[in-house]
N, C-alpha and C. Protein backbone atom coordinates (compact mmCIF):
# COMPACT_ATOMS: atom_id res chain seq x y z
N LEU A 1 -16.20 -14.92 -11.39
CA LEU A 1 -15.74 -13.56 -11.20
C LEU A 1 -15.84 -13.15 -9.73
N ASP A 2 -16.95 -13.53 -9.10
CA ASP A 2 -17.10 -13.18 -7.68
C ASP A 2 -16.01 -13.81 -6.82
N ALA A 3 -15.63 -15.04 -7.15
CA ALA A 3 -14.55 -15.70 -6.40
C ALA A 3 -13.22 -14.97 -6.61
N ASP A 4 -12.96 -14.54 -7.84
CA ASP A 4 -11.74 -13.77 -8.12
C ASP A 4 -11.73 -12.46 -7.35
N ILE A 5 -12.87 -11.79 -7.34
CA ILE A 5 -12.97 -10.52 -6.63
C ILE A 5 -12.77 -10.74 -5.13
N ALA A 6 -13.37 -11.78 -4.59
CA ALA A 6 -13.22 -12.07 -3.15
C ALA A 6 -11.76 -12.37 -2.82
N GLY A 7 -11.10 -13.13 -3.67
CA GLY A 7 -9.68 -13.42 -3.44
C GLY A 7 -8.82 -12.17 -3.48
N LEU A 8 -9.11 -11.30 -4.43
CA LEU A 8 -8.36 -10.05 -4.52
C LEU A 8 -8.68 -9.12 -3.35
N ALA A 9 -9.92 -9.13 -2.91
CA ALA A 9 -10.29 -8.33 -1.74
C ALA A 9 -9.55 -8.83 -0.49
N ALA A 10 -9.40 -10.14 -0.37
CA ALA A 10 -8.66 -10.70 0.77
C ALA A 10 -7.19 -10.28 0.69
N ARG A 11 -6.62 -10.30 -0.50
CA ARG A 11 -5.24 -9.84 -0.66
C ARG A 11 -5.11 -8.36 -0.36
N ARG A 12 -6.12 -7.58 -0.77
CA ARG A 12 -6.13 -6.14 -0.46
C ARG A 12 -6.13 -5.93 1.04
N ASP A 13 -6.99 -6.68 1.74
CA ASP A 13 -7.08 -6.55 3.19
C ASP A 13 -5.78 -6.98 3.87
N LYS A 14 -5.14 -8.02 3.34
CA LYS A 14 -3.85 -8.46 3.90
C LYS A 14 -2.80 -7.39 3.70
N ALA A 15 -2.79 -6.77 2.54
CA ALA A 15 -1.84 -5.68 2.29
C ALA A 15 -2.08 -4.53 3.27
N ALA A 16 -3.34 -4.24 3.55
CA ALA A 16 -3.67 -3.17 4.51
C ALA A 16 -3.17 -3.54 5.91
N GLN A 17 -3.37 -4.78 6.31
CA GLN A 17 -2.90 -5.23 7.62
C GLN A 17 -1.38 -5.20 7.70
N ASP A 18 -0.73 -5.67 6.64
CA ASP A 18 0.73 -5.67 6.61
C ASP A 18 1.27 -4.25 6.65
N PHE A 19 0.60 -3.34 5.94
CA PHE A 19 1.03 -1.94 5.97
C PHE A 19 0.87 -1.37 7.37
N ALA A 20 -0.25 -1.65 8.02
CA ALA A 20 -0.47 -1.12 9.37
C ALA A 20 0.61 -1.61 10.33
N ALA A 21 0.98 -2.88 10.23
CA ALA A 21 2.03 -3.42 11.09
C ALA A 21 3.37 -2.75 10.79
N ALA A 22 3.72 -2.63 9.52
CA ALA A 22 4.97 -1.98 9.14
C ALA A 22 4.97 -0.50 9.52
N ASP A 23 3.80 0.13 9.45
CA ASP A 23 3.70 1.54 9.79
C ASP A 23 3.90 1.78 11.28
N ARG A 24 3.42 0.85 12.10
CA ARG A 24 3.66 0.98 13.55
C ARG A 24 5.17 0.93 13.85
N ILE A 25 5.85 0.03 13.18
CA ILE A 25 7.30 -0.08 13.36
C ILE A 25 7.97 1.20 12.86
N ALA A 26 7.56 1.66 11.69
CA ALA A 26 8.16 2.87 11.12
C ALA A 26 7.93 4.07 12.03
N ALA A 27 6.74 4.19 12.58
CA ALA A 27 6.44 5.34 13.45
C ALA A 27 7.38 5.36 14.64
N ALA A 28 7.59 4.22 15.25
CA ALA A 28 8.48 4.15 16.42
C ALA A 28 9.92 4.47 16.05
N ARG A 29 10.37 3.93 14.95
CA ARG A 29 11.76 4.16 14.54
C ARG A 29 11.98 5.56 14.01
N LEU A 30 10.94 6.16 13.44
CA LEU A 30 11.08 7.52 12.94
C LEU A 30 11.21 8.52 14.07
N THR A 31 10.60 8.23 15.19
CA THR A 31 10.71 9.13 16.34
C THR A 31 12.18 9.28 16.73
N ALA A 32 12.88 8.17 16.80
CA ALA A 32 14.31 8.22 17.14
C ALA A 32 15.14 8.70 15.96
N GLY A 33 14.83 8.23 14.77
CA GLY A 33 15.63 8.55 13.60
C GLY A 33 15.56 10.01 13.19
N ALA A 34 14.43 10.65 13.41
CA ALA A 34 14.27 12.05 13.02
C ALA A 34 15.16 12.97 13.85
N ARG A 35 15.48 12.54 15.05
CA ARG A 35 16.34 13.37 15.93
C ARG A 35 17.81 12.98 15.84
N ALA A 36 18.09 11.91 15.12
CA ALA A 36 19.45 11.40 15.06
C ALA A 36 20.21 12.00 13.88
N ALA A 37 21.51 11.87 13.96
CA ALA A 37 22.36 12.35 12.87
C ALA A 37 22.18 11.46 11.64
N ILE A 38 22.26 12.09 10.49
CA ILE A 38 22.17 11.34 9.25
C ILE A 38 23.31 10.33 9.20
N GLY A 39 22.97 9.09 8.90
CA GLY A 39 23.96 8.03 8.84
C GLY A 39 24.13 7.27 10.14
N SER A 40 23.52 7.76 11.22
CA SER A 40 23.62 7.06 12.50
C SER A 40 22.77 5.79 12.48
N ASP A 41 22.98 4.94 13.46
CA ASP A 41 22.21 3.69 13.53
C ASP A 41 20.71 3.97 13.61
N ALA A 42 20.31 4.94 14.41
CA ALA A 42 18.88 5.25 14.54
C ALA A 42 18.31 5.77 13.23
N TRP A 43 19.06 6.58 12.53
CA TRP A 43 18.62 7.09 11.23
C TRP A 43 18.50 5.96 10.22
N LEU A 44 19.49 5.05 10.20
CA LEU A 44 19.45 3.91 9.29
C LEU A 44 18.29 2.97 9.63
N ASP A 45 18.03 2.78 10.92
CA ASP A 45 16.88 1.96 11.33
C ASP A 45 15.57 2.58 10.82
N ALA A 46 15.48 3.89 10.89
CA ALA A 46 14.28 4.57 10.41
C ALA A 46 14.16 4.42 8.89
N GLN A 47 15.27 4.54 8.18
CA GLN A 47 15.25 4.36 6.73
C GLN A 47 14.80 2.94 6.36
N THR A 48 15.30 1.97 7.10
CA THR A 48 14.93 0.57 6.86
C THR A 48 13.44 0.37 7.12
N ALA A 49 12.95 0.96 8.19
CA ALA A 49 11.52 0.84 8.51
C ALA A 49 10.66 1.49 7.42
N LEU A 50 11.11 2.62 6.90
CA LEU A 50 10.38 3.25 5.79
C LEU A 50 10.36 2.35 4.57
N ALA A 51 11.48 1.70 4.29
CA ALA A 51 11.54 0.78 3.15
C ALA A 51 10.58 -0.40 3.35
N GLY A 52 10.34 -0.76 4.61
CA GLY A 52 9.42 -1.85 4.91
C GLY A 52 7.98 -1.53 4.53
N LEU A 53 7.68 -0.27 4.32
CA LEU A 53 6.33 0.13 3.89
C LEU A 53 6.11 -0.16 2.41
N ASP A 54 7.18 -0.28 1.66
CA ASP A 54 7.06 -0.47 0.21
C ASP A 54 6.47 -1.83 -0.18
N THR A 55 6.78 -2.88 0.58
CA THR A 55 6.30 -4.21 0.20
C THR A 55 4.78 -4.31 0.25
N PRO A 56 4.12 -3.93 1.36
CA PRO A 56 2.67 -4.02 1.33
C PRO A 56 2.04 -3.06 0.32
N ARG A 57 2.67 -1.94 0.07
CA ARG A 57 2.15 -1.02 -0.95
C ARG A 57 2.25 -1.68 -2.32
N ALA A 58 3.37 -2.33 -2.60
CA ALA A 58 3.53 -3.02 -3.88
C ALA A 58 2.51 -4.16 -4.02
N ASP A 59 2.24 -4.86 -2.92
CA ASP A 59 1.23 -5.92 -2.95
C ASP A 59 -0.13 -5.34 -3.33
N LEU A 60 -0.45 -4.19 -2.78
CA LEU A 60 -1.72 -3.53 -3.09
C LEU A 60 -1.76 -3.09 -4.55
N VAL A 61 -0.67 -2.56 -5.06
CA VAL A 61 -0.62 -2.15 -6.46
C VAL A 61 -0.85 -3.37 -7.36
N ALA A 62 -0.31 -4.51 -6.99
CA ALA A 62 -0.53 -5.74 -7.77
C ALA A 62 -2.00 -6.12 -7.78
N VAL A 63 -2.66 -5.99 -6.64
CA VAL A 63 -4.09 -6.28 -6.56
C VAL A 63 -4.87 -5.35 -7.48
N ILE A 64 -4.55 -4.07 -7.44
CA ILE A 64 -5.23 -3.10 -8.30
C ILE A 64 -5.02 -3.45 -9.76
N SER A 65 -3.82 -3.84 -10.11
CA SER A 65 -3.53 -4.22 -11.49
C SER A 65 -4.38 -5.42 -11.92
N GLU A 66 -4.52 -6.39 -11.04
CA GLU A 66 -5.34 -7.55 -11.38
C GLU A 66 -6.82 -7.19 -11.48
N LEU A 67 -7.28 -6.29 -10.63
CA LEU A 67 -8.66 -5.83 -10.74
C LEU A 67 -8.88 -5.10 -12.06
N GLU A 68 -7.91 -4.28 -12.43
CA GLU A 68 -8.00 -3.57 -13.71
C GLU A 68 -8.01 -4.56 -14.87
N ASP A 69 -7.19 -5.61 -14.77
CA ASP A 69 -7.17 -6.62 -15.84
C ASP A 69 -8.53 -7.29 -15.98
N LEU A 70 -9.18 -7.57 -14.86
CA LEU A 70 -10.51 -8.17 -14.92
C LEU A 70 -11.50 -7.22 -15.60
N ALA A 71 -11.43 -5.95 -15.25
CA ALA A 71 -12.33 -4.96 -15.85
C ALA A 71 -12.05 -4.81 -17.34
N ILE A 72 -10.79 -4.80 -17.72
CA ILE A 72 -10.42 -4.68 -19.14
C ILE A 72 -10.90 -5.89 -19.92
N ALA A 73 -10.76 -7.06 -19.34
CA ALA A 73 -11.22 -8.29 -20.01
C ALA A 73 -12.73 -8.24 -20.24
N ARG A 74 -13.46 -7.73 -19.27
CA ARG A 74 -14.92 -7.60 -19.44
C ARG A 74 -15.23 -6.61 -20.55
N ALA A 75 -14.57 -5.49 -20.54
CA ALA A 75 -14.83 -4.47 -21.55
C ALA A 75 -14.46 -4.98 -22.95
N THR A 76 -13.35 -5.68 -23.04
CA THR A 76 -12.91 -6.23 -24.32
C THR A 76 -13.93 -7.24 -24.86
N ALA A 77 -14.53 -7.98 -23.94
CA ALA A 77 -15.54 -8.98 -24.33
C ALA A 77 -16.91 -8.35 -24.58
N GLY A 78 -17.01 -7.05 -24.40
CA GLY A 78 -18.27 -6.35 -24.62
C GLY A 78 -19.26 -6.52 -23.48
N GLU A 79 -18.75 -6.93 -22.33
CA GLU A 79 -19.62 -7.11 -21.15
C GLU A 79 -19.75 -5.79 -20.41
N PRO A 80 -20.86 -5.58 -19.74
CA PRO A 80 -21.05 -4.33 -19.01
C PRO A 80 -20.19 -4.31 -17.74
N PRO A 81 -19.99 -3.12 -17.18
CA PRO A 81 -19.27 -3.04 -15.91
C PRO A 81 -19.96 -3.92 -14.86
N TYR A 82 -19.16 -4.48 -13.99
CA TYR A 82 -19.66 -5.38 -12.94
C TYR A 82 -19.56 -4.63 -11.62
N PRO A 83 -20.68 -4.31 -10.98
CA PRO A 83 -20.65 -3.46 -9.78
C PRO A 83 -19.69 -3.93 -8.68
N ALA A 84 -19.66 -5.22 -8.41
CA ALA A 84 -18.76 -5.71 -7.36
C ALA A 84 -17.31 -5.47 -7.73
N LEU A 85 -16.98 -5.61 -8.99
CA LEU A 85 -15.62 -5.36 -9.46
C LEU A 85 -15.29 -3.88 -9.37
N GLU A 86 -16.22 -3.04 -9.77
CA GLU A 86 -16.01 -1.60 -9.70
C GLU A 86 -15.82 -1.15 -8.24
N THR A 87 -16.61 -1.72 -7.34
CA THR A 87 -16.49 -1.38 -5.92
C THR A 87 -15.15 -1.84 -5.35
N ALA A 88 -14.75 -3.06 -5.69
CA ALA A 88 -13.46 -3.58 -5.20
C ALA A 88 -12.31 -2.71 -5.69
N LYS A 89 -12.38 -2.29 -6.94
CA LYS A 89 -11.34 -1.42 -7.50
C LYS A 89 -11.33 -0.06 -6.80
N ALA A 90 -12.50 0.51 -6.59
CA ALA A 90 -12.58 1.81 -5.91
C ALA A 90 -12.05 1.71 -4.48
N ASP A 91 -12.39 0.62 -3.79
CA ASP A 91 -11.90 0.43 -2.42
C ASP A 91 -10.38 0.31 -2.40
N ALA A 92 -9.83 -0.45 -3.33
CA ALA A 92 -8.38 -0.63 -3.39
C ALA A 92 -7.68 0.68 -3.76
N ASP A 93 -8.27 1.44 -4.68
CA ASP A 93 -7.70 2.74 -5.05
C ASP A 93 -7.69 3.69 -3.85
N ALA A 94 -8.77 3.71 -3.09
CA ALA A 94 -8.85 4.58 -1.92
C ALA A 94 -7.81 4.18 -0.88
N LEU A 95 -7.64 2.88 -0.69
CA LEU A 95 -6.63 2.40 0.25
C LEU A 95 -5.23 2.79 -0.22
N LEU A 96 -4.95 2.63 -1.50
CA LEU A 96 -3.65 3.02 -2.03
C LEU A 96 -3.40 4.51 -1.82
N SER A 97 -4.41 5.32 -2.03
CA SER A 97 -4.26 6.76 -1.82
C SER A 97 -3.92 7.07 -0.36
N ARG A 98 -4.62 6.41 0.56
CA ARG A 98 -4.35 6.62 1.98
C ARG A 98 -2.95 6.15 2.36
N ILE A 99 -2.57 4.98 1.87
CA ILE A 99 -1.25 4.44 2.18
C ILE A 99 -0.15 5.36 1.62
N THR A 100 -0.33 5.83 0.41
CA THR A 100 0.65 6.72 -0.20
C THR A 100 0.77 8.02 0.59
N THR A 101 -0.34 8.57 1.02
CA THR A 101 -0.32 9.78 1.85
C THR A 101 0.41 9.53 3.16
N ASP A 102 0.11 8.39 3.79
CA ASP A 102 0.78 8.05 5.05
C ASP A 102 2.28 7.88 4.85
N MET A 103 2.67 7.20 3.77
CA MET A 103 4.09 7.01 3.50
C MET A 103 4.79 8.34 3.27
N ASP A 104 4.17 9.20 2.50
CA ASP A 104 4.77 10.51 2.23
C ASP A 104 4.94 11.31 3.52
N ALA A 105 3.96 11.23 4.40
CA ALA A 105 4.05 11.94 5.68
C ALA A 105 5.18 11.38 6.53
N ARG A 106 5.32 10.07 6.54
CA ARG A 106 6.41 9.45 7.31
C ARG A 106 7.76 9.86 6.73
N LYS A 107 7.89 9.78 5.42
CA LYS A 107 9.17 10.11 4.78
C LYS A 107 9.55 11.57 5.01
N ALA A 108 8.57 12.44 5.10
CA ALA A 108 8.86 13.86 5.29
C ALA A 108 9.45 14.14 6.67
N ARG A 109 9.25 13.24 7.59
CA ARG A 109 9.78 13.44 8.96
C ARG A 109 11.26 13.13 9.09
N LEU A 110 11.83 12.45 8.11
CA LEU A 110 13.21 11.99 8.22
C LEU A 110 14.11 12.79 7.29
N PRO A 111 15.13 13.45 7.83
CA PRO A 111 16.03 14.20 6.96
C PRO A 111 16.81 13.27 6.04
N PHE A 112 17.03 13.72 4.83
CA PHE A 112 17.75 12.89 3.87
C PHE A 112 19.14 13.42 3.56
N GLN A 113 19.46 14.61 4.04
CA GLN A 113 20.78 15.17 3.73
C GLN A 113 21.44 15.62 5.01
């Protein structure tokens, strides 16, 4: 179980790093895209950069799902909660919340109509 948790934590960290890299790109492109006309190249570049945030977020959601599956399997087997698993899940949930907030803030900067 500890090896599974460590592997999922590494995937969580990779998703966080990938999100940070995609977010830097999105921030730069949003600066230009927010001032550009809807449908312009700069606006489309910003939209594409925003879409690039979805992949690392989806990777993180997959990690959370696998952590939940591990917890469900333990509960189904009548085993008590496992602190390292609970911590890994809480850390991943907190990261997802932060990423979602950041994505929403970025998306709010770009006009859609």
